Amino acid sequence: MLHVGHVSLLEAARAEADALIVAVNGDASARRLGKGPGRPVVPATERARLIAAFACVDCVVLFDEDTPGELIRRLKPDVLVKGADYARDQIVGGDEVEGWGGKVVRVPLVEGKSTTAMLDRLRGP
């Protein structure tokens, strides 16, 4: 479920590069991540379409592996952006990107905005 935190992250990522390619977990991959029952709420193709509609996004790629590691190695981006909730050593592909001269950027999260929090509010007390 998209929220203002996602928009902020996408805009920050676009500011780091000439083009923004967003990798989106496919449904099977998202389920394996164990985000909770009933997740993902929105199917991958719809999530990709929503993200592609943002002016700051140039391309969206779906992946079904557990991590985007192989995709990152194939695309060889100059910049890899993740939310700051990930420690640098937890960012898949970070070592490779830095190894070919790129950089890893961690973007601060928007306080109090998360899909989990939204779903908790919708479910009620």
Protein backbone atom coordinates (compact mmCIF):
# COMPACT_ATOMS: atom_id res chain seq x y z
CA MET A 1 0.00 0.00 0.00
CA LEU A 2 1.58 3.25 -1.11
CA HIS A 3 1.97 6.04 1.41
CA VAL A 4 3.81 9.35 1.70
CA GLY A 5 6.94 7.55 2.94
CA HIS A 6 7.18 5.71 -0.38
CA VAL A 7 6.74 8.95 -2.32
CA SER A 8 9.48 10.61 -0.28
CA LEU A 9 11.85 7.68 -0.88
CA LEU A 10 11.16 7.65 -4.63
CA GLU A 11 11.71 11.40 -4.94
CA ALA A 12 14.95 11.20 -2.95
CA ALA A 13 16.14 8.29 -5.11
CA ARG A 14 15.40 10.19 -8.32
CA ALA A 15 17.37 13.18 -7.05
CA GLU A 16 20.45 10.92 -6.86
CA ALA A 17 20.52 9.87 -10.52
CA ASP A 18 19.64 10.67 -14.12
CA ALA A 19 17.08 7.85 -14.26
CA LEU A 20 15.20 5.91 -11.61
CA ILE A 21 14.61 2.17 -12.01
CA VAL A 22 12.48 0.73 -9.20
CA ALA A 23 12.73 -2.98 -8.39
CA VAL A 24 9.48 -4.37 -6.95
CA ASN A 25 9.14 -7.74 -5.23
CA GLY A 26 6.77 -10.08 -7.02
CA ASP A 27 3.94 -11.61 -4.99
CA ALA A 28 5.73 -14.88 -4.21
CA SER A 29 8.86 -13.00 -3.15
CA ALA A 30 6.85 -10.65 -0.93
CA ARG A 31 5.09 -13.58 0.73
CA ARG A 32 8.43 -15.26 1.46
CA LEU A 33 9.60 -12.08 3.20
CA GLY A 34 7.01 -12.85 5.86
CA LYS A 35 5.47 -9.39 6.16
CA GLY A 36 2.36 -10.86 7.74
CA PRO A 37 -0.92 -12.57 6.87
CA GLY A 38 -2.66 -11.41 3.74
CA ARG A 39 0.41 -9.65 2.35
CA PRO A 40 0.90 -8.39 -0.19
CA VAL A 41 -2.43 -6.59 -0.11
CA VAL A 42 -2.05 -5.24 -3.65
CA PRO A 43 -0.87 -7.63 -6.42
CA ALA A 44 2.61 -7.04 -7.87
CA THR A 45 1.40 -5.95 -11.31
CA GLU A 46 -0.84 -3.31 -9.74
CA ARG A 47 1.96 -2.14 -7.39
CA ALA A 48 4.27 -1.82 -10.38
CA ARG A 49 1.68 0.16 -12.34
CA LEU A 50 1.07 2.54 -9.42
CA ILE A 51 4.81 3.16 -8.97
CA ALA A 52 5.32 3.62 -12.72
CA ALA A 53 2.72 6.43 -12.65
CA PHE A 54 4.99 8.67 -10.57
CA ALA A 55 6.77 11.33 -12.63
CA CYS A 56 10.04 10.61 -10.81
CA VAL A 57 10.05 6.94 -11.90
CA ASP A 58 11.53 5.99 -15.27
CA CYS A 59 11.12 2.21 -15.15
CA VAL A 60 9.74 -0.51 -12.87
CA VAL A 61 11.06 -4.07 -12.83
CA LEU A 62 9.39 -6.97 -11.01
CA PHE A 63 11.57 -9.70 -9.51
CA ASP A 64 10.58 -12.96 -7.83
CA GLU A 65 13.86 -13.90 -6.18
CA ASP A 66 14.24 -13.42 -2.42
CA THR A 67 16.52 -10.43 -3.02
CA PRO A 68 17.21 -8.09 -5.95
CA GLY A 69 20.89 -9.14 -5.95
CA GLU A 70 20.92 -10.74 -9.40
CA LEU A 71 18.95 -7.86 -10.90
CA ILE A 72 21.40 -5.35 -9.41
CA ARG A 73 24.35 -7.28 -10.86
CA ARG A 74 22.68 -7.33 -14.29
CA LEU A 75 21.69 -3.63 -14.30
CA LYS A 76 24.93 -2.35 -12.71
CA PRO A 77 23.44 0.88 -11.34
CA ASP A 78 25.63 3.85 -10.42
CA VAL A 79 23.51 4.48 -7.33
CA LEU A 80 21.62 2.07 -5.07
CA VAL A 81 19.02 3.66 -2.78
CA LYS A 82 17.32 2.05 0.24
CA GLY A 83 15.42 3.33 3.23
CA ALA A 84 17.55 4.17 6.26
CA ASP A 85 15.79 1.41 8.21
CA TYR A 86 18.38 -0.84 6.55
CA ALA A 87 21.90 -0.80 7.97
CA ARG A 88 24.55 -0.46 5.26
CA ASP A 89 25.68 -4.06 5.75
CA GLN A 90 22.07 -5.26 5.18
CA ILE A 91 21.72 -3.67 1.74
CA VAL A 92 21.81 -6.39 -0.89
CA GLY A 93 24.02 -5.40 -3.80
CA GLY A 94 25.71 -2.57 -1.92
CA ASP A 95 29.17 -4.13 -2.04
CA GLU A 96 28.85 -4.79 -5.77
CA VAL A 97 27.67 -1.26 -6.56
CA GLU A 98 30.52 0.27 -4.58
CA GLY A 99 32.90 -2.25 -6.17
CA TRP A 100 32.26 -0.88 -9.66
CA GLY A 101 32.54 2.72 -8.45
CA GLY A 102 28.91 3.45 -7.58
CA LYS A 103 27.45 4.59 -4.30
CA VAL A 104 24.87 3.40 -1.78
CA VAL A 105 22.46 5.99 -0.39
CA ARG A 106 20.28 5.43 2.67
CA VAL A 107 17.24 7.75 2.75
CA PRO A 108 15.69 8.72 6.11
CA LEU A 109 12.18 7.39 6.62
CA VAL A 110 9.14 9.59 7.09
CA GLU A 111 8.31 9.27 10.79
CA GLY A 112 5.19 7.25 11.55
CA LYS A 113 4.49 6.20 7.96
CA SER A 114 4.54 2.52 7.10
CA THR A 115 2.33 -0.01 5.37
CA THR A 116 2.23 -2.10 8.55
CA ALA A 117 1.02 0.90 10.58
CA MET A 118 -1.64 1.66 7.95
CA LEU A 119 -2.91 -1.92 8.02
CA ASP A 120 -2.95 -1.94 11.83
CA ARG A 121 -5.09 1.23 11.81
CA LEU A 122 -7.47 -0.29 9.26
CA ARG A 123 -7.87 -3.45 11.33
CA GLY A 124 -8.75 -1.37 14.37
CA PRO A 125 -8.24 -2.06 18.07
